Amino acid sequence: MSVQAPHKTTIRSIKCTSCGAPLALRAGHKIRTLTCQYCGAVMDTRDEFAVLDKFINQEKPITPLDIGMQGEIKGIEFTIVGIIASTAEGSTWVDHLLYSPTHGYAWLSYQQGHLVFERRVRDLPDNNLNYQKHRLGSRFYAGGRAYKLFDHYTSTISYVAGELTWIAKRGDTSSVIEAIKPPYQYSQEQTEGETEYYLGEYQNAEEVLNSFGAIEHRHPPQGIHPAQPMKKPFLKALHKAAKPFAIIALLAFLLINIFFDGNTMSSFYVLASDVQTGKQTRYPIKIDKPKAIIQLKIQSRMPQPYVQFDTILGSDNNTYIDIGKNLSGLPKTMKINSWVEANYNMTSLFKAPKAGTYYLEFRPGRVAAAPSNTSEKTRITVQVTQGIYTRKYFIWLLIFSLTGLLLYPVFRMLYENKRWKGAHGD
């Protein structure tokens, strides 16, 4: 008896020649064996389904997919026709044999919620894969891609059901070498008789399981699969967008420091004792470019607490700017753009309302007992620079753009470290 199933897959029904259970044949003419999922009998499809072997008391592995399910992968409609479970070094995974009348056979591997779609390929590696000769992470090429050796192990078959293209027996082993270039996985499988090569591609498990109508035993992916790519679209887009801004900010910062560092108009020093005693408190400063940003830098090595000075900058027409500790009473005609103060080291950026001669005036403020090791000739150094271009905006732009530029590679590095922790280098 035969019926037409969805996706144009022809199904033939037979009875198990060992237990009489109804079984379905869904695959093509290359099928070599049919294993009864009820009694474990392995039947030869080319010899009137004679029993070749029997899997006794085999335990069905946990997988959301089952024989007979149909779904779409990469735009191709497949039917699950066989299942093999394998173990290696304490891990178990389930390989589902897929069949398409138009595209032949493929595998869908399930392990801890991850799915990898695999097909046999004829793309040979550019050198012989031998884990005794090649270290973990060694690079080779196959099919135009560069892969890195990730793992090697010996797998053992623990469960078989449905149709297969060869005669599989429980306990059969194969030596496997895996290499990765996420989302791709390239593997070499060796048995006593032959060597085969497979190309795998990591799949979105939720989309594939929904396509196959798999409802039971669904679990979110655990850990990082060797072929699983990092999915951070926002950080990747931010990394790409931040690159030109980082370059612009860096170039602007360098150009300002090299070519637009301003001209030093005045540079002198004042004795702290002169200011404290009122001997000399006013110092002339000539400003000829009122529209340019002016930097006033005052530095002192006086230990605290010694003396505090209120610092005033004014002109002959009594236009004043207070650049001391307190910025109260600041006239609108003298605009300060930034202010830094620490241990009597002061930097002020401002614009003068007009060209002319201004006077820097120090006025004694709070006076405390001077430490015994304080020199009476302690200096207050003054430097006035005209034509300064402020760097802070470019510095902030550089900080933000570098942050955006580096977030993606940093996350990628952490992601790769987690991935390669599962690799075997012995």
Protein backbone atom coordinates (compact mmCIF):
# COMPACT_ATOMS: atom_id res chain seq x y z
CA MET A 1 0.00 0.00 0.00
CA SER A 2 1.25 3.51 -0.78
CA VAL A 3 -0.15 6.99 -0.13
CA GLN A 4 0.91 10.50 -1.13
CA ALA A 5 2.16 12.57 1.83
CA PRO A 6 2.64 16.33 1.98
CA HIS A 7 5.74 17.77 0.28
CA LYS A 8 5.41 15.05 -2.41
CA THR A 9 7.08 12.35 -0.29
CA THR A 10 5.85 8.87 -1.14
CA ILE A 11 5.28 6.63 1.87
CA ARG A 12 5.22 2.84 1.68
CA SER A 13 4.04 0.73 4.59
CA ILE A 14 5.47 -2.63 5.64
CA LYS A 15 5.40 -4.82 8.72
CA CYS A 16 8.49 -5.50 10.79
CA THR A 17 9.71 -8.98 9.87
CA SER A 18 10.65 -9.54 13.51
CA CYS A 19 7.72 -8.21 15.59
CA GLY A 20 5.07 -7.42 12.98
CA ALA A 21 4.79 -3.72 13.92
CA PRO A 22 3.69 -1.38 11.11
CA LEU A 23 6.60 0.64 9.71
CA ALA A 24 6.85 3.31 7.03
CA LEU A 25 9.37 3.72 4.23
CA ARG A 26 9.76 7.38 3.31
CA ALA A 27 13.22 7.67 1.77
CA GLY A 28 14.65 6.89 -1.64
CA HIS A 29 16.36 3.90 -3.19
CA LYS A 30 19.72 4.50 -1.43
CA ILE A 31 18.31 3.28 1.89
CA ARG A 32 20.25 0.23 3.05
CA THR A 33 18.57 -0.69 6.35
CA LEU A 34 15.34 -0.16 8.24
CA THR A 35 15.50 -0.40 12.02
CA CYS A 36 12.27 -1.09 13.86
CA GLN A 37 11.72 1.53 16.54
CA TYR A 38 9.63 -0.94 18.55
CA CYS A 39 11.79 -4.07 18.76
CA GLY A 40 15.15 -2.79 17.49
CA ALA A 41 15.40 -5.23 14.57
CA VAL A 42 17.78 -4.06 11.80
CA MET A 43 16.36 -5.18 8.44
CA ASP A 44 18.07 -5.36 5.05
CA THR A 45 16.00 -3.39 2.52
CA ARG A 46 17.77 -5.18 -0.35
CA ASP A 47 17.07 -8.70 0.90
CA GLU A 48 13.33 -8.75 1.56
CA PHE A 49 13.85 -7.02 4.91
CA ALA A 50 15.75 -9.91 6.43
CA VAL A 51 16.85 -9.23 10.01
CA LEU A 52 20.58 -8.46 10.12
CA ASP A 53 20.94 -7.51 13.78
CA LYS A 54 18.88 -6.42 16.74
CA PHE A 55 19.19 -3.57 19.24
CA ILE A 56 17.89 -5.02 22.49
CA ASN A 57 16.44 -2.74 25.18
CA GLN A 58 17.77 0.40 23.56
CA GLU A 59 16.62 3.63 25.23
CA LYS A 60 15.22 6.32 22.97
CA PRO A 61 17.19 9.59 23.30
CA ILE A 62 15.49 12.85 24.25
CA THR A 63 14.90 14.96 21.14
CA PRO A 64 12.04 17.23 20.06
CA LEU A 65 12.21 15.72 16.54
CA ASP A 66 10.89 12.32 15.47
CA ILE A 67 10.68 10.08 12.44
CA GLY A 68 8.01 11.19 9.98
CA MET A 69 8.12 14.90 10.85
CA GLN A 70 8.36 17.23 7.87
CA GLY A 71 9.74 20.76 7.76
CA GLU A 72 11.78 23.28 5.83
CA ILE A 73 15.49 24.08 6.16
CA LYS A 74 17.19 26.65 3.94
CA GLY A 75 14.13 26.69 1.70
CA ILE A 76 14.15 22.90 1.15
CA GLU A 77 11.40 20.59 2.40
CA PHE A 78 12.73 17.55 4.25
CA THR A 79 11.28 14.51 6.00
CA ILE A 80 12.95 12.86 8.98
CA VAL A 81 13.45 9.20 8.02
CA GLY A 82 16.02 7.93 10.55
CA ILE A 83 17.58 8.64 13.94
CA ILE A 84 20.99 7.82 15.37
CA ALA A 85 22.16 8.72 18.89
CA SER A 86 25.88 8.80 19.62
CA THR A 87 27.99 9.35 22.71
CA ALA A 88 31.52 10.61 23.29
CA GLU A 89 33.29 11.64 26.50
CA GLY A 90 30.05 11.84 28.47
CA SER A 91 28.12 13.83 25.87
CA THR A 92 25.16 12.57 23.85
CA TRP A 93 23.74 14.02 20.64
CA VAL A 94 21.09 12.90 18.18
CA ASP A 95 21.51 12.91 14.38
CA HIS A 96 18.32 12.92 12.32
CA LEU A 97 18.58 11.64 8.75
CA LEU A 98 16.65 13.95 6.43
CA TYR A 99 15.35 13.13 2.97
CA SER A 100 14.13 15.36 0.16
CA PRO A 101 12.92 13.90 -3.18
CA THR A 102 14.65 16.82 -4.94
CA HIS A 103 17.80 17.34 -2.83
CA GLY A 104 18.57 13.90 -1.43
CA TYR A 105 19.90 13.23 2.06
CA ALA A 106 21.16 15.46 4.84
CA TRP A 107 21.54 15.41 8.63
CA LEU A 108 20.05 17.56 11.39
CA SER A 109 22.11 17.23 14.57
CA TYR A 110 20.54 18.07 17.94
CA GLN A 111 22.53 18.60 21.13
CA GLN A 112 21.51 20.54 24.26
CA GLY A 113 18.99 22.64 22.35
CA HIS A 114 21.35 23.45 19.45
CA LEU A 115 20.69 22.39 15.83
CA VAL A 116 23.23 21.99 13.04
CA PHE A 117 22.27 21.17 9.44
CA GLU A 118 24.91 18.93 7.81
CA ARG A 119 25.53 17.50 4.37
CA ARG A 120 28.23 15.24 3.02
CA VAL A 121 30.69 17.16 0.83
CA ARG A 122 33.55 16.40 -1.53
CA ASP A 123 35.55 19.50 -0.54
CA LEU A 124 38.75 18.01 0.85
CA PRO A 125 41.01 19.93 3.26
CA ASP A 126 44.19 21.41 1.82
CA ASN A 127 46.24 19.16 4.12
CA ASN A 128 45.66 15.85 5.84
CA LEU A 129 43.83 16.33 9.14
CA ASN A 130 45.75 14.63 11.90
CA TYR A 131 45.24 15.74 15.47
CA GLN A 132 48.60 14.35 16.52
CA LYS A 133 50.30 16.68 14.03
CA HIS A 134 48.04 19.72 14.24
CA ARG A 135 47.42 21.75 17.38
CA LEU A 136 44.11 23.08 18.65
CA GLY A 137 43.20 26.18 16.64
CA SER A 138 45.40 25.21 13.67
CA ARG A 139 44.10 26.65 10.42
CA PHE A 140 43.36 24.86 7.16
CA TYR A 141 41.24 25.51 4.07
CA ALA A 142 38.37 23.52 2.59
CA GLY A 143 35.80 24.64 0.05
CA GLY A 144 37.20 28.17 -0.01
CA ARG A 145 36.85 28.72 3.77
CA ALA A 146 39.51 28.89 6.47
CA TYR A 147 38.66 26.63 9.43
CA LYS A 148 40.24 26.19 12.85
CA LEU A 149 40.61 22.77 14.45
CA PHE A 150 38.31 22.66 17.44
CA ASP A 151 37.87 19.11 18.71
CA HIS A 152 38.59 15.45 18.17
CA TYR A 153 36.89 12.45 19.74
CA THR A 154 35.70 8.89 19.17
CA SER A 155 31.92 8.58 18.87
CA THR A 156 29.97 5.42 19.67
CA ILE A 157 26.48 4.61 18.36
CA SER A 158 24.01 4.02 21.22
CA TYR A 159 20.63 4.11 19.44
CA VAL A 160 19.31 3.50 15.91
CA ALA A 161 15.79 3.81 14.49
CA GLY A 162 14.24 4.18 11.04
CA GLU A 163 15.90 4.21 7.65
CA LEU A 164 19.64 4.57 7.07
CA THR A 165 21.87 4.51 4.01
CA TRP A 166 24.28 1.99 5.58
CA ILE A 167 24.23 -0.89 8.03
CA ALA A 168 24.62 0.62 11.51
CA LYS A 169 25.19 -1.45 14.63
CA ARG A 170 25.14 -0.44 18.26
CA GLY A 171 28.69 0.00 19.48
CA ASP A 172 30.05 1.05 16.08
CA THR A 173 32.70 3.74 16.50
CA SER A 174 34.17 6.47 14.33
CA SER A 175 37.04 8.88 14.82
CA VAL A 176 35.89 12.48 14.37
CA ILE A 177 37.84 15.70 13.87
CA GLU A 178 35.84 18.94 13.98
CA ALA A 179 36.83 22.39 12.78
CA ILE A 180 34.85 25.60 12.86
CA LYS A 181 34.30 28.91 11.13
CA PRO A 182 31.00 30.02 12.71
CA PRO A 183 28.29 29.53 11.62
CA TYR A 184 29.98 26.70 9.68
CA GLN A 185 31.39 23.43 10.95
CA TYR A 186 33.61 21.08 8.96
CA SER A 187 34.14 17.52 10.16
CA GLN A 188 36.10 14.47 9.14
CA GLU A 189 34.70 11.08 10.17
CA GLN A 190 36.83 7.97 9.86
CA THR A 191 35.74 4.36 10.24
CA GLU A 192 37.63 1.20 9.45
CA GLY A 193 36.52 1.28 5.83
CA GLU A 194 36.30 4.92 4.74
CA THR A 195 36.72 8.61 5.44
CA GLU A 196 33.87 11.07 4.94
CA TYR A 197 33.68 14.85 5.14
CA TYR A 198 30.66 16.89 6.26
CA LEU A 199 29.83 20.58 6.14
CA GLY A 200 27.50 21.82 8.87
CA GLU A 201 25.77 25.14 9.40
CA TYR A 202 24.35 26.34 12.71
CA GLN A 203 20.57 26.88 12.62
CA ASN A 204 18.05 28.98 14.48
CA ALA A 205 16.57 26.18 16.63
CA GLU A 206 13.24 27.90 17.26
CA GLU A 207 12.59 28.49 13.55
CA VAL A 208 13.52 24.94 12.54
CA LEU A 209 11.52 23.27 15.32
CA ASN A 210 8.49 25.41 14.50
CA SER A 211 8.80 24.38 10.86
CA PHE A 212 8.84 20.69 11.80
CA GLY A 213 5.98 21.12 14.26
CA ALA A 214 8.12 19.88 17.14
CA ILE A 215 6.38 20.67 20.42
CA GLU A 216 7.57 18.17 23.04
CA HIS A 217 11.00 18.14 24.72
CA ARG A 218 11.92 21.62 23.50
CA HIS A 219 14.66 23.24 25.53
CA PRO A 220 16.46 26.56 25.08
CA PRO A 221 20.04 26.16 23.83
CA GLN A 222 22.51 25.60 26.66
CA GLY A 223 26.01 27.03 26.56
CA ILE A 224 27.75 28.01 23.33
CA HIS A 225 27.86 25.53 20.46
CA PRO A 226 31.18 25.33 18.57
CA ALA A 227 29.53 26.60 15.37
CA GLN A 228 27.23 29.14 17.04
CA PRO A 229 27.87 32.71 15.83
CA MET A 230 27.66 35.64 18.19
CA LYS A 231 24.40 37.54 17.69
CA LYS A 232 24.90 41.17 18.74
CA PRO A 233 23.41 43.18 15.84
CA PHE A 234 23.21 46.45 17.79
CA LEU A 235 26.85 46.30 18.93
CA LYS A 236 27.95 45.30 15.44
CA ALA A 237 26.11 48.25 13.90
CA LEU A 238 27.48 50.58 16.61
CA HIS A 239 31.01 49.32 15.91
CA LYS A 240 30.62 50.08 12.23
CA ALA A 241 29.07 53.51 12.80
CA ALA A 242 31.61 54.59 15.47
CA LYS A 243 34.69 53.94 13.35
CA PRO A 244 34.60 57.14 11.23
CA PHE A 245 33.75 59.29 14.27
CA ALA A 246 36.71 57.85 16.19
CA ILE A 247 39.03 58.64 13.28
CA ILE A 248 37.67 62.21 12.96
CA ALA A 249 37.95 62.87 16.71
CA LEU A 250 41.48 61.49 16.89
CA LEU A 251 42.68 63.50 13.89
CA ALA A 252 41.05 66.67 15.22
CA PHE A 253 42.63 66.16 18.63
CA LEU A 254 46.08 65.64 17.09
CA LEU A 255 45.74 68.63 14.74
CA ILE A 256 44.70 70.93 17.61
CA ASN A 257 47.63 69.80 19.73
CA ILE A 258 50.13 70.18 16.89
CA PHE A 259 48.96 73.27 15.00
CA PHE A 260 46.44 75.11 17.20
CA ASP A 261 47.99 75.11 20.64
CA GLY A 262 47.84 78.91 20.89
CA ASN A 263 50.46 81.64 21.38
CA THR A 264 51.94 82.36 24.79
CA MET A 265 51.32 86.07 25.48
CA SER A 266 52.73 86.29 29.01
CA SER A 267 54.67 84.01 31.30
CA PHE A 268 55.93 85.13 34.71
CA TYR A 269 56.00 84.18 38.36
CA VAL A 270 54.82 85.85 41.53
CA LEU A 271 56.19 85.38 45.03
CA ALA A 272 53.48 84.22 47.41
CA SER A 273 54.98 86.34 50.16
CA ASP A 274 54.62 89.50 48.03
CA VAL A 275 50.93 88.81 47.50
CA GLN A 276 50.36 88.01 51.14
CA THR A 277 52.02 91.21 52.34
CA GLY A 278 50.50 93.32 49.56
CA LYS A 279 53.91 94.28 48.15
CA GLN A 280 52.84 93.60 44.57
CA THR A 281 49.43 92.39 43.51
CA ARG A 282 48.76 93.65 39.94
CA TYR A 283 50.41 92.27 36.81
CA PRO A 284 49.65 93.56 33.26
CA ILE A 285 48.51 91.19 30.50
CA LYS A 286 48.03 92.41 26.94
CA ILE A 287 45.20 90.84 24.90
CA ASP A 288 44.98 91.75 21.20
CA LYS A 289 42.49 89.14 19.93
CA PRO A 290 39.30 89.41 21.97
CA LYS A 291 37.42 86.82 19.91
CA ALA A 292 40.07 84.16 20.54
CA ILE A 293 39.86 81.81 23.50
CA ILE A 294 42.38 82.76 26.18
CA GLN A 295 43.86 80.28 28.63
CA LEU A 296 45.05 81.51 32.01
CA LYS A 297 47.08 78.92 33.90
CA ILE A 298 48.16 79.53 37.50
CA GLN A 299 50.30 77.00 39.35
CA SER A 300 51.70 76.93 42.87
CA ARG A 301 53.45 74.37 45.06
CA MET A 302 52.20 75.80 48.33
CA PRO A 303 51.16 73.05 50.75
CA GLN A 304 47.63 73.30 52.09
CA PRO A 305 46.54 74.93 54.30
CA TYR A 306 48.89 77.90 53.86
CA VAL A 307 47.22 80.82 52.17
CA GLN A 308 44.28 81.33 49.88
CA PHE A 309 44.18 84.05 47.22
CA ASP A 310 41.20 85.50 45.39
CA THR A 311 42.38 86.04 41.82
CA ILE A 312 40.96 88.95 39.80
CA LEU A 313 41.49 89.83 36.11
CA GLY A 314 40.42 93.37 35.19
CA SER A 315 41.00 96.24 32.79
CA ASP A 316 41.39 99.99 33.07
CA ASN A 317 37.66 100.49 32.56
CA ASN A 318 36.95 98.38 35.66
CA THR A 319 35.69 95.29 33.79
CA TYR A 320 36.51 92.45 36.13
CA ILE A 321 36.44 88.69 36.11
CA ASP A 322 36.89 86.76 39.32
CA ILE A 323 38.90 83.60 38.65
CA GLY A 324 39.52 82.76 42.28
CA LYS A 325 38.05 80.02 44.37
CA ASN A 326 34.53 81.45 44.13
CA LEU A 327 33.08 82.36 40.74
CA SER A 328 30.28 84.54 42.09
CA GLY A 329 29.74 87.96 40.52
CA LEU A 330 31.02 86.85 37.09
CA PRO A 331 30.23 89.61 34.52
CA LYS A 332 28.45 88.46 31.36
CA THR A 333 31.07 90.21 29.24
CA MET A 334 33.77 87.74 30.37
CA LYS A 335 32.73 84.20 29.65
CA ILE A 336 34.53 81.25 31.23
CA ASN A 337 34.21 78.06 29.21
CA SER A 338 35.88 75.63 31.59
CA TRP A 339 37.40 75.59 35.05
CA VAL A 340 39.82 73.22 36.79
CA GLU A 341 41.24 73.72 40.28
CA ALA A 342 43.34 71.36 42.38
CA ASN A 343 45.98 72.20 44.99
CA TYR A 344 46.37 75.79 43.75
CA ASN A 345 46.74 74.68 40.14
CA MET A 346 44.12 76.62 38.18
CA THR A 347 43.24 76.70 34.50
CA SER A 348 40.60 79.07 33.14
CA LEU A 349 39.37 79.49 29.54
CA PHE A 350 37.57 82.73 28.64
CA LYS A 351 37.12 85.46 26.04
CA ALA A 352 37.89 89.13 26.64
CA PRO A 353 35.14 91.62 25.71
CA LYS A 354 37.64 93.73 23.74
CA ALA A 355 41.35 94.11 23.03
CA GLY A 356 43.51 95.95 25.51
CA THR A 357 45.66 95.64 28.58
CA TYR A 358 44.23 93.70 31.47
CA TYR A 359 45.64 93.31 34.97
CA LEU A 360 45.92 90.11 36.90
CA GLU A 361 45.39 90.89 40.58
CA PHE A 362 45.91 88.62 43.57
CA ARG A 363 44.09 89.49 46.79
CA PRO A 364 44.92 87.75 50.05
CA GLY A 365 42.15 85.56 51.34
CA ARG A 366 42.13 83.10 54.20
CA VAL A 367 45.54 82.82 55.89
CA ALA A 368 46.55 79.86 58.02
CA ALA A 369 49.69 79.03 59.91
CA ALA A 370 52.42 78.13 57.46
CA PRO A 371 54.19 74.81 58.00
CA SER A 372 57.76 75.08 59.24
CA ASN A 373 59.18 73.68 55.97
CA THR A 374 57.41 76.27 53.75
CA SER A 375 59.84 78.53 51.84
CA GLU A 376 59.26 82.28 51.93
CA LYS A 377 60.08 82.34 48.20
CA THR A 378 57.29 80.03 47.16
CA ARG A 379 56.36 80.94 43.61
CA ILE A 380 53.04 81.33 41.86
CA THR A 381 53.64 80.70 38.14
CA VAL A 382 51.36 82.45 35.63
CA GLN A 383 51.05 81.68 31.92
CA VAL A 384 48.63 83.36 29.49
CA THR A 385 48.04 81.72 26.10
CA GLN A 386 45.93 83.26 23.33
CA GLY A 387 44.20 81.42 20.47
CA ILE A 388 43.46 78.23 22.34
CA TYR A 389 41.09 75.72 20.72
CA THR A 390 39.19 73.73 23.29
CA ARG A 391 39.79 70.01 23.11
CA LYS A 392 37.12 68.75 25.47
CA TYR A 393 34.44 68.25 22.81
CA PHE A 394 36.79 66.18 20.67
CA ILE A 395 37.96 64.29 23.74
CA TRP A 396 34.38 63.37 24.63
CA LEU A 397 33.67 62.45 21.01
CA LEU A 398 36.79 60.30 21.00
CA ILE A 399 35.79 58.61 24.27
CA PHE A 400 32.25 57.84 23.11
CA SER A 401 33.32 56.71 19.62
CA LEU A 402 36.11 54.50 21.00
CA THR A 403 33.62 52.97 23.44
CA GLY A 404 31.26 52.19 20.58
CA LEU A 405 34.15 50.93 18.48
CA LEU A 406 35.54 48.60 21.17
CA LEU A 407 32.34 47.17 22.70
CA TYR A 408 31.74 44.68 19.87
CA PRO A 409 35.30 43.25 19.76
CA VAL A 410 35.41 43.04 23.57
CA PHE A 411 32.11 41.11 23.69
CA ARG A 412 33.34 38.96 20.79
CA MET A 413 36.57 38.17 22.64
CA LEU A 414 34.65 37.13 25.77
CA TYR A 415 32.27 35.06 23.62
CA GLU A 416 35.15 33.29 21.87
CA ASN A 417 36.83 32.57 25.21
CA LYS A 418 33.67 30.79 26.37
CA ARG A 419 33.47 28.87 23.09
CA TRP A 420 37.06 27.64 23.17
CA LYS A 421 36.84 26.56 26.80
CA GLY A 422 34.91 23.57 25.46
CA ALA A 423 37.61 22.64 22.98
CA HIS A 424 39.90 19.68 23.55
CA GLY A 425 43.55 20.29 22.95
CA ASP A 426 44.93 16.95 24.10
